[in-house]
Structures are given as structure tokens and as C-alpha cells.
Full PDB file with SEQRES, HELIX, SHEET, SSBOND, CRYST1, ORIGX, SCALE, CONECT and MASTER records, all heavy atoms in Angstrom:
SEQRES   1 A   31  LYS GLU LYS GLU GLU LEU ASP ARG GLN ILE ASP SER HIS          
SEQRES   2 A   31  TYR ALA LYS ALA LEU GLN GLY ASP ALA TYR SER GLN TYR          
SEQRES   3 A   31  CYS ILE GLY TRP TYR                                          
HELIX    1 AA1 GLU A    2  LEU A   18  1                                  17    
HELIX    2 AA2 ALA A   22  TRP A   30  1                                   9    
CRYST1    1.000    1.000    1.000  90.00  90.00  90.00 P 1           1          
ORIGX1      1.000000  0.000000  0.000000        0.00000                         
ORIGX2      0.000000  1.000000  0.000000        0.00000                         
ORIGX3      0.000000  0.000000  1.000000        0.00000                         
SCALE1      1.000000  0.000000  0.000000        0.00000                         
SCALE2      0.000000  1.000000  0.000000        0.00000                         
SCALE3      0.000000  0.000000  1.000000        0.00000                         
ATOM      1  N   LYS A   1      -7.077 179.261-102.405  1.00  0.00           N  
ATOM      2  CA  LYS A   1      -5.841 178.681-102.929  1.00  0.00           C  
ATOM      3  C   LYS A   1      -6.065 177.247-103.406  1.00  0.00           C  
ATOM      4  O   LYS A   1      -5.533 176.850-104.440  1.00  0.00           O  
ATOM      5  CB  LYS A   1      -4.732 178.725-101.874  1.00  0.00           C  
ATOM      6  CG  LYS A   1      -4.166 180.103-101.660  1.00  0.00           C  
ATOM      7  CD  LYS A   1      -3.049 180.090-100.648  1.00  0.00           C  
ATOM      8  CE  LYS A   1      -2.478 181.495-100.477  1.00  0.00           C  
ATOM      9  NZ  LYS A   1      -1.390 181.514 -99.488  1.00  0.00           N  
ATOM     10  N   GLU A   2      -6.855 176.473-102.646  1.00  0.00           N  
ATOM     11  CA  GLU A   2      -7.157 175.100-103.054  1.00  0.00           C  
ATOM     12  C   GLU A   2      -7.924 175.088-104.370  1.00  0.00           C  
ATOM     13  O   GLU A   2      -7.661 174.255-105.235  1.00  0.00           O  
ATOM     14  CB  GLU A   2      -7.954 174.375-101.969  1.00  0.00           C  
ATOM     15  CG  GLU A   2      -7.124 174.021-100.753  1.00  0.00           C  
ATOM     16  CD  GLU A   2      -7.943 173.490 -99.597  1.00  0.00           C  
ATOM     17  OE1 GLU A   2      -9.204 173.579 -99.628  1.00  0.00           O  
ATOM     18  OE2 GLU A   2      -7.338 172.989 -98.633  1.00  0.00           O  
ATOM     19  N   LYS A   3      -8.870 176.016-104.526  1.00  0.00           N  
ATOM     20  CA  LYS A   3      -9.634 176.096-105.765  1.00  0.00           C  
ATOM     21  C   LYS A   3      -8.725 176.486-106.925  1.00  0.00           C  
ATOM     22  O   LYS A   3      -8.819 175.917-108.014  1.00  0.00           O  
ATOM     23  CB  LYS A   3     -10.788 177.080-105.648  1.00  0.00           C  
ATOM     24  CG  LYS A   3     -11.632 177.111-106.920  1.00  0.00           C  
ATOM     25  CD  LYS A   3     -12.797 178.026-106.821  1.00  0.00           C  
ATOM     26  CE  LYS A   3     -13.638 178.106-108.061  1.00  0.00           C  
ATOM     27  NZ  LYS A   3     -13.094 177.703-109.325  1.00  0.00           N  
ATOM     28  N   GLU A   4      -7.842 177.452-106.695  1.00  0.00           N  
ATOM     29  CA  GLU A   4      -6.898 177.845-107.743  1.00  0.00           C  
ATOM     30  C   GLU A   4      -6.023 176.663-108.156  1.00  0.00           C  
ATOM     31  O   GLU A   4      -5.788 176.453-109.346  1.00  0.00           O  
ATOM     32  CB  GLU A   4      -6.008 178.998-107.270  1.00  0.00           C  
ATOM     33  CG  GLU A   4      -6.688 180.340-107.260  1.00  0.00           C  
ATOM     34  CD  GLU A   4      -5.786 181.456-106.745  1.00  0.00           C  
ATOM     35  OE1 GLU A   4      -4.623 181.188-106.354  1.00  0.00           O  
ATOM     36  OE2 GLU A   4      -6.249 182.610-106.726  1.00  0.00           O  
ATOM     37  N   GLU A   5      -5.547 175.905-107.181  1.00  0.00           N  
ATOM     38  CA  GLU A   5      -4.708 174.740-107.472  1.00  0.00           C  
ATOM     39  C   GLU A   5      -5.512 173.696-108.240  1.00  0.00           C  
ATOM     40  O   GLU A   5      -5.026 173.117-109.217  1.00  0.00           O  
ATOM     41  CB  GLU A   5      -4.142 174.140-106.181  1.00  0.00           C  
ATOM     42  CG  GLU A   5      -3.305 172.890-106.396  1.00  0.00           C  
ATOM     43  CD  GLU A   5      -2.113 173.087-107.319  1.00  0.00           C  
ATOM     44  OE1 GLU A   5      -1.588 174.217-107.420  1.00  0.00           O  
ATOM     45  OE2 GLU A   5      -1.707 172.097-107.958  1.00  0.00           O  
ATOM     46  N   LEU A   6      -6.747 173.438-107.812  1.00  0.00           N  
ATOM     47  CA  LEU A   6      -7.595 172.490-108.519  1.00  0.00           C  
ATOM     48  C   LEU A   6      -7.848 172.956-109.948  1.00  0.00           C  
ATOM     49  O   LEU A   6      -7.755 172.160-110.894  1.00  0.00           O  
ATOM     50  CB  LEU A   6      -8.930 172.298-107.790  1.00  0.00           C  
ATOM     51  CG  LEU A   6      -9.941 171.376-108.460  1.00  0.00           C  
ATOM     52  CD1 LEU A   6      -9.377 169.964-108.605  1.00  0.00           C  
ATOM     53  CD2 LEU A   6     -11.244 171.372-107.689  1.00  0.00           C  
ATOM     54  N   ASP A   7      -8.128 174.244-110.117  1.00  0.00           N  
ATOM     55  CA  ASP A   7      -8.343 174.785-111.462  1.00  0.00           C  
ATOM     56  C   ASP A   7      -7.101 174.605-112.332  1.00  0.00           C  
ATOM     57  O   ASP A   7      -7.205 174.251-113.512  1.00  0.00           O  
ATOM     58  CB  ASP A   7      -8.732 176.268-111.399  1.00  0.00           C  
ATOM     59  CG  ASP A   7     -10.138 176.495-110.870  1.00  0.00           C  
ATOM     60  OD1 ASP A   7     -10.923 175.521-110.811  1.00  0.00           O  
ATOM     61  OD2 ASP A   7     -10.455 177.649-110.519  1.00  0.00           O  
ATOM     62  N   ARG A   8      -5.917 174.816-111.743  1.00  0.00           N  
ATOM     63  CA  ARG A   8      -4.668 174.614-112.486  1.00  0.00           C  
ATOM     64  C   ARG A   8      -4.522 173.142-112.898  1.00  0.00           C  
ATOM     65  O   ARG A   8      -4.133 172.834-114.032  1.00  0.00           O  
ATOM     66  CB  ARG A   8      -3.453 175.046-111.659  1.00  0.00           C  
ATOM     67  CG  ARG A   8      -3.143 176.528-111.758  1.00  0.00           C  
ATOM     68  CD  ARG A   8      -1.766 176.854-111.192  1.00  0.00           C  
ATOM     69  NE  ARG A   8      -1.642 176.647-109.758  1.00  0.00           N  
ATOM     70  CZ  ARG A   8      -2.040 177.526-108.826  1.00  0.00           C  
ATOM     71  NH1 ARG A   8      -2.578 178.666-109.178  1.00  0.00           N  
ATOM     72  NH2 ARG A   8      -1.880 177.260-107.556  1.00  0.00           N  
ATOM     73  N   GLN A   9      -4.826 172.239-111.964  1.00  0.00           N  
ATOM     74  CA  GLN A   9      -4.729 170.813-112.273  1.00  0.00           C  
ATOM     75  C   GLN A   9      -5.703 170.426-113.383  1.00  0.00           C  
ATOM     76  O   GLN A   9      -5.328 169.705-114.320  1.00  0.00           O  
ATOM     77  CB  GLN A   9      -5.018 169.976-111.027  1.00  0.00           C  
ATOM     78  CG  GLN A   9      -3.932 170.020-109.991  1.00  0.00           C  
ATOM     79  CD  GLN A   9      -4.316 169.263-108.725  1.00  0.00           C  
ATOM     80  OE1 GLN A   9      -5.411 168.738-108.601  1.00  0.00           O  
ATOM     81  NE2 GLN A   9      -3.404 169.230-107.775  1.00  0.00           N  
ATOM     82  N   ILE A  10      -6.935 170.908-113.271  1.00  0.00           N  
ATOM     83  CA  ILE A  10      -7.937 170.596-114.294  1.00  0.00           C  
ATOM     84  C   ILE A  10      -7.487 171.135-115.644  1.00  0.00           C  
ATOM     85  O   ILE A  10      -7.541 170.421-116.659  1.00  0.00           O  
ATOM     86  CB  ILE A  10      -9.324 171.144-113.901  1.00  0.00           C  
ATOM     87  CG1 ILE A  10      -9.870 170.364-112.695  1.00  0.00           C  
ATOM     88  CG2 ILE A  10     -10.300 171.070-115.077  1.00  0.00           C  
ATOM     89  CD1 ILE A  10     -11.141 170.947-112.099  1.00  0.00           C  
ATOM     90  N   ASP A  11      -7.031 172.387-115.658  1.00  0.00           N  
ATOM     91  CA  ASP A  11      -6.568 172.981-116.920  1.00  0.00           C  
ATOM     92  C   ASP A  11      -5.417 172.179-117.518  1.00  0.00           C  
ATOM     93  O   ASP A  11      -5.371 171.940-118.729  1.00  0.00           O  
ATOM     94  CB  ASP A  11      -6.134 174.439-116.711  1.00  0.00           C  
ATOM     95  CG  ASP A  11      -7.299 175.378-116.438  1.00  0.00           C  
ATOM     96  OD1 ASP A  11      -8.467 174.974-116.671  1.00  0.00           O  
ATOM     97  OD2 ASP A  11      -7.037 176.510-115.993  1.00  0.00           O  
ATOM     98  N   SER A  12      -4.488 171.770-116.674  1.00  0.00           N  
ATOM     99  CA  SER A  12      -3.337 170.998-117.144  1.00  0.00           C  
ATOM    100  C   SER A  12      -3.789 169.651-117.712  1.00  0.00           C  
ATOM    101  O   SER A  12      -3.367 169.250-118.805  1.00  0.00           O  
ATOM    102  CB  SER A  12      -2.353 170.783-115.991  1.00  0.00           C  
ATOM    103  OG  SER A  12      -1.311 169.923-116.380  1.00  0.00           O  
ATOM    104  N   HIS A  13      -4.641 168.942-116.968  1.00  0.00           N  
ATOM    105  CA  HIS A  13      -5.142 167.656-117.445  1.00  0.00           C  
ATOM    106  C   HIS A  13      -5.958 167.830-118.722  1.00  0.00           C  
ATOM    107  O   HIS A  13      -5.860 167.008-119.639  1.00  0.00           O  
ATOM    108  CB  HIS A  13      -6.003 166.964-116.380  1.00  0.00           C  
ATOM    109  CG  HIS A  13      -5.214 166.302-115.308  1.00  0.00           C  
ATOM    110  ND1 HIS A  13      -4.318 165.289-115.550  1.00  0.00           N  
ATOM    111  CD2 HIS A  13      -5.181 166.501-113.970  1.00  0.00           C  
ATOM    112  CE1 HIS A  13      -3.771 164.900-114.419  1.00  0.00           C  
ATOM    113  NE2 HIS A  13      -4.274 165.622-113.437  1.00  0.00           N  
ATOM    114  N   TYR A  14      -6.742 168.892-118.778  1.00  0.00           N  
ATOM    115  CA  TYR A  14      -7.586 169.113-119.954  1.00  0.00           C  
ATOM    116  C   TYR A  14      -6.726 169.331-121.200  1.00  0.00           C  
ATOM    117  O   TYR A  14      -6.989 168.749-122.259  1.00  0.00           O  
ATOM    118  CB  TYR A  14      -8.519 170.296-119.719  1.00  0.00           C  
ATOM    119  CG  TYR A  14      -9.632 170.385-120.731  1.00  0.00           C  
ATOM    120  CD1 TYR A  14     -10.704 169.503-120.696  1.00  0.00           C  
ATOM    121  CD2 TYR A  14      -9.599 171.334-121.738  1.00  0.00           C  
ATOM    122  CE1 TYR A  14     -11.725 169.571-121.641  1.00  0.00           C  
ATOM    123  CE2 TYR A  14     -10.605 171.408-122.685  1.00  0.00           C  
ATOM    124  CZ  TYR A  14     -11.674 170.526-122.630  1.00  0.00           C  
ATOM    125  OH  TYR A  14     -12.666 170.584-123.565  1.00  0.00           O  
ATOM    126  N   ALA A  15      -5.681 170.147-121.054  1.00  0.00           N  
ATOM    127  CA  ALA A  15      -4.787 170.398-122.194  1.00  0.00           C  
ATOM    128  C   ALA A  15      -4.140 169.094-122.654  1.00  0.00           C  
ATOM    129  O   ALA A  15      -4.074 168.804-123.861  1.00  0.00           O  
ATOM    130  CB  ALA A  15      -3.720 171.423-121.815  1.00  0.00           C  
ATOM    131  N   LYS A  16      -3.674 168.281-121.713  1.00  0.00           N  
ATOM    132  CA  LYS A  16      -3.051 167.003-122.065  1.00  0.00           C  
ATOM    133  C   LYS A  16      -4.078 166.029-122.644  1.00  0.00           C  
ATOM    134  O   LYS A  16      -3.775 165.277-123.571  1.00  0.00           O  
ATOM    135  CB  LYS A  16      -2.379 166.388-120.833  1.00  0.00           C  
ATOM    136  CG  LYS A  16      -1.157 167.142-120.357  1.00  0.00           C  
ATOM    137  CD  LYS A  16      -0.625 166.526-119.077  1.00  0.00           C  
ATOM    138  CE  LYS A  16       0.515 167.349-118.494  1.00  0.00           C  
ATOM    139  NZ  LYS A  16       0.943 166.813-117.187  1.00  0.00           N  
ATOM    140  N   ALA A  17      -5.285 166.055-122.074  1.00  0.00           N  
ATOM    141  CA  ALA A  17      -6.344 165.154-122.557  1.00  0.00           C  
ATOM    142  C   ALA A  17      -6.684 165.456-124.002  1.00  0.00           C  
ATOM    143  O   ALA A  17      -6.890 164.535-124.807  1.00  0.00           O  
ATOM    144  CB  ALA A  17      -7.586 165.290-121.671  1.00  0.00           C  
ATOM    145  N   LEU A  18      -6.735 166.717-124.328  1.00  0.00           N  
ATOM    146  CA  LEU A  18      -7.045 167.104-125.711  1.00  0.00           C  
ATOM    147  C   LEU A  18      -5.951 166.661-126.678  1.00  0.00           C  
ATOM    148  O   LEU A  18      -6.205 166.474-127.870  1.00  0.00           O  
ATOM    149  CB  LEU A  18      -7.262 168.615-125.814  1.00  0.00           C  
ATOM    150  CG  LEU A  18      -8.537 169.148-125.163  1.00  0.00           C  
ATOM    151  CD1 LEU A  18      -8.583 170.656-125.255  1.00  0.00           C  
ATOM    152  CD2 LEU A  18      -9.782 168.529-125.791  1.00  0.00           C  
ATOM    153  N   GLN A  19      -4.745 166.487-126.147  1.00  0.00           N  
ATOM    154  CA  GLN A  19      -3.625 166.024-126.977  1.00  0.00           C  
ATOM    155  C   GLN A  19      -3.554 164.494-127.011  1.00  0.00           C  
ATOM    156  O   GLN A  19      -2.643 163.932-127.602  1.00  0.00           O  
ATOM    157  CB  GLN A  19      -2.311 166.594-126.453  1.00  0.00           C  
ATOM    158  CG  GLN A  19      -2.206 168.096-126.605  1.00  0.00           C  
ATOM    159  CD  GLN A  19      -0.945 168.664-125.963  1.00  0.00           C  
ATOM    160  OE1 GLN A  19      -0.144 167.930-125.391  1.00  0.00           O  
ATOM    161  NE2 GLN A  19      -0.780 169.969-126.061  1.00  0.00           N  
ATOM    162  N   GLY A  20      -4.507 163.838-126.343  1.00  0.00           N  
ATOM    163  CA  GLY A  20      -4.571 162.382-126.404  1.00  0.00           C  
ATOM    164  C   GLY A  20      -3.971 161.644-125.232  1.00  0.00           C  
ATOM    165  O   GLY A  20      -3.892 160.411-125.255  1.00  0.00           O  
ATOM    166  N   ASP A  21      -3.556 162.335-124.171  1.00  0.00           N  
ATOM    167  CA  ASP A  21      -2.986 161.661-123.002  1.00  0.00           C  
ATOM    168  C   ASP A  21      -4.090 160.892-122.273  1.00  0.00           C  
ATOM    169  O   ASP A  21      -5.023 161.491-121.729  1.00  0.00           O  
ATOM    170  CB  ASP A  21      -2.340 162.687-122.059  1.00  0.00           C  
ATOM    171  CG  ASP A  21      -1.711 162.016-120.857  1.00  0.00           C  
ATOM    172  OD1 ASP A  21      -0.585 161.518-120.993  1.00  0.00           O  
ATOM    173  OD2 ASP A  21      -2.370 161.982-119.797  1.00  0.00           O  
ATOM    174  N   ALA A  22      -3.988 159.558-122.282  1.00  0.00           N  
ATOM    175  CA  ALA A  22      -5.051 158.701-121.748  1.00  0.00           C  
ATOM    176  C   ALA A  22      -5.259 158.889-120.249  1.00  0.00           C  
ATOM    177  O   ALA A  22      -6.394 158.874-119.772  1.00  0.00           O  
ATOM    178  CB  ALA A  22      -4.738 157.242-122.065  1.00  0.00           C  
ATOM    179  N   TYR A  23      -4.166 159.049-119.491  1.00  0.00           N  
ATOM    180  CA  TYR A  23      -4.336 159.242-118.047  1.00  0.00           C  
ATOM    181  C   TYR A  23      -5.038 160.567-117.758  1.00  0.00           C  
ATOM    182  O   TYR A  23      -5.916 160.637-116.895  1.00  0.00           O  
ATOM    183  CB  TYR A  23      -2.995 159.168-117.308  1.00  0.00           C  
ATOM    184  CG  TYR A  23      -3.173 159.334-115.819  1.00  0.00           C  
ATOM    185  CD1 TYR A  23      -3.685 158.302-115.051  1.00  0.00           C  
ATOM    186  CD2 TYR A  23      -2.874 160.545-115.186  1.00  0.00           C  
ATOM    187  CE1 TYR A  23      -3.885 158.450-113.686  1.00  0.00           C  
ATOM    188  CE2 TYR A  23      -3.068 160.703-113.821  1.00  0.00           C  
ATOM    189  CZ  TYR A  23      -3.578 159.651-113.081  1.00  0.00           C  
ATOM    190  OH  TYR A  23      -3.786 159.808-111.733  1.00  0.00           O  
ATOM    191  N   SER A  24      -4.684 161.619-118.478  1.00  0.00           N  
ATOM    192  CA  SER A  24      -5.347 162.917-118.284  1.00  0.00           C  
ATOM    193  C   SER A  24      -6.814 162.832-118.697  1.00  0.00           C  
ATOM    194  O   SER A  24      -7.675 163.462-118.076  1.00  0.00           O  
ATOM    195  CB  SER A  24      -4.624 164.010-119.061  1.00  0.00           C  
ATOM    196  OG  SER A  24      -3.374 164.278-118.452  1.00  0.00           O  
ATOM    197  N   GLN A  25      -7.103 162.037-119.715  1.00  0.00           N  
ATOM    198  CA  GLN A  25      -8.505 161.839-120.106  1.00  0.00           C  
ATOM    199  C   GLN A  25      -9.265 161.158-118.974  1.00  0.00           C  
ATOM    200  O   GLN A  25     -10.404 161.536-118.661  1.00  0.00           O  
ATOM    201  CB  GLN A  25      -8.581 161.003-121.388  1.00  0.00           C  
ATOM    202  CG  GLN A  25      -8.085 161.763-122.600  1.00  0.00           C  
ATOM    203  CD  GLN A  25      -7.883 160.881-123.810  1.00  0.00           C  
ATOM    204  OE1 GLN A  25      -7.725 159.665-123.712  1.00  0.00           O  
ATOM    205  NE2 GLN A  25      -7.875 161.507-124.994  1.00  0.00           N  
ATOM    206  N   TYR A  26      -8.625 160.178-118.344  1.00  0.00           N  
ATOM    207  CA  TYR A  26      -9.226 159.540-117.168  1.00  0.00           C  
ATOM    208  C   TYR A  26      -9.489 160.570-116.066  1.00  0.00           C  
ATOM    209  O   TYR A  26     -10.558 160.598-115.470  1.00  0.00           O  
ATOM    210  CB  TYR A  26      -8.319 158.411-116.645  1.00  0.00           C  
ATOM    211  CG  TYR A  26      -8.562 158.089-115.200  1.00  0.00           C  
ATOM    212  CD1 TYR A  26      -9.679 157.359-114.807  1.00  0.00           C  
ATOM    213  CD2 TYR A  26      -7.702 158.549-114.213  1.00  0.00           C  
ATOM    214  CE1 TYR A  26      -9.924 157.082-113.470  1.00  0.00           C  
ATOM    215  CE2 TYR A  26      -7.920 158.276-112.884  1.00  0.00           C  
ATOM    216  CZ  TYR A  26      -9.046 157.552-112.513  1.00  0.00           C  
ATOM    217  OH  TYR A  26      -9.289 157.296-111.188  1.00  0.00           O  
ATOM    218  N   CYS A  27      -8.486 161.431-115.808  1.00  0.00           N  
ATOM    219  CA  CYS A  27      -8.630 162.449-114.749  1.00  0.00           C  
ATOM    220  C   CYS A  27      -9.799 163.388-115.038  1.00  0.00           C  
ATOM    221  O   CYS A  27     -10.590 163.689-114.135  1.00  0.00           O  
ATOM    222  CB  CYS A  27      -7.338 163.245-114.584  1.00  0.00           C  
ATOM    223  SG  CYS A  27      -5.981 162.278-113.887  1.00  0.00           S  
ATOM    224  N   ILE A  28      -9.919 163.833-116.281  1.00  0.00           N  
ATOM    225  CA  ILE A  28     -11.034 164.716-116.633  1.00  0.00           C  
ATOM    226  C   ILE A  28     -12.356 163.977-116.425  1.00  0.00           C  
ATOM    227  O   ILE A  28     -13.313 164.537-115.886  1.00  0.00           O  
ATOM    228  CB  ILE A  28     -10.897 165.224-118.091  1.00  0.00           C  
ATOM    229  CG1 ILE A  28      -9.655 166.104-118.243  1.00  0.00           C  
ATOM    230  CG2 ILE A  28     -12.158 165.972-118.524  1.00  0.00           C  
ATOM    231  CD1 ILE A  28      -9.659 167.373-117.404  1.00  0.00           C  
ATOM    232  N   GLY A  29     -12.394 162.720-116.806  1.00  0.00           N  
ATOM    233  CA  GLY A  29     -13.593 161.915-116.558  1.00  0.00           C  
ATOM    234  C   GLY A  29     -13.908 161.830-115.075  1.00  0.00           C  
ATOM    235  O   GLY A  29     -15.065 161.952-114.655  1.00  0.00           O  
ATOM    236  N   TRP A  30     -12.879 161.637-114.269  1.00  0.00           N  
ATOM    237  CA  TRP A  30     -13.067 161.543-112.817  1.00  0.00           C  
ATOM    238  C   TRP A  30     -13.648 162.839-112.262  1.00  0.00           C  
ATOM    239  O   TRP A  30     -14.540 162.813-111.418  1.00  0.00           O  
ATOM    240  CB  TRP A  30     -11.728 161.212-112.151  1.00  0.00           C  
ATOM    241  CG  TRP A  30     -11.855 160.949-110.689  1.00  0.00           C  
ATOM    242  CD1 TRP A  30     -12.069 159.749-110.084  1.00  0.00           C  
ATOM    243  CD2 TRP A  30     -11.808 161.924-109.633  1.00  0.00           C  
ATOM    244  NE1 TRP A  30     -12.149 159.913-108.726  1.00  0.00           N  
ATOM    245  CE2 TRP A  30     -11.999 161.237-108.422  1.00  0.00           C  
ATOM    246  CE3 TRP A  30     -11.635 163.304-109.609  1.00  0.00           C  
ATOM    247  CZ2 TRP A  30     -12.011 161.886-107.188  1.00  0.00           C  
ATOM    248  CZ3 TRP A  30     -11.651 163.942-108.377  1.00  0.00           C  
ATOM    249  CH2 TRP A  30     -11.832 163.240-107.190  1.00  0.00           C  
ATOM    250  N   TYR A  31     -13.129 163.978-112.739  1.00  0.00           N  
ATOM    251  CA  TYR A  31     -13.658 165.270-112.278  1.00  0.00           C  
ATOM    252  C   TYR A  31     -15.151 165.366-112.589  1.00  0.00           C  
ATOM    253  O   TYR A  31     -15.946 165.776-111.742  1.00  0.00           O  
ATOM    254  CB  TYR A  31     -12.919 166.442-112.939  1.00  0.00           C  
ATOM    255  CG  TYR A  31     -11.466 166.587-112.549  1.00  0.00           C  
ATOM    256  CD1 TYR A  31     -10.488 166.798-113.514  1.00  0.00           C  
ATOM    257  CD2 TYR A  31     -11.052 166.527-111.222  1.00  0.00           C  
ATOM    258  CE1 TYR A  31      -9.146 166.943-113.183  1.00  0.00           C  
ATOM    259  CE2 TYR A  31      -9.712 166.666-110.870  1.00  0.00           C  
ATOM    260  CZ  TYR A  31      -8.769 166.875-111.855  1.00  0.00           C  
ATOM    261  OH  TYR A  31      -7.445 167.026-111.504  1.00  0.00           O  
TER     262      TYR A  31                                                      
MASTER        0    0    0    2    0    0    0    6  261    1    0    3          
END                                                                             
């Protein structure tokens, strides 16, 4: 369940990062 939640978070941040969201880009970098 933790992995599924992490995967959901990564997917969400990745989608936002691709749209130019700077905080999500930071999160993807952190991952």
C-alpha cells in the first residue's frame, strides 16, 4: 500500500512537473 501511494504521488508530481509546476519538478528531482 505504501508503494502504491508513493507511485501515485510520483505519477501526480510527474504529470504536474511536465506541465511546468516548479514545486512538482523539485519533488521529482528529490525522488
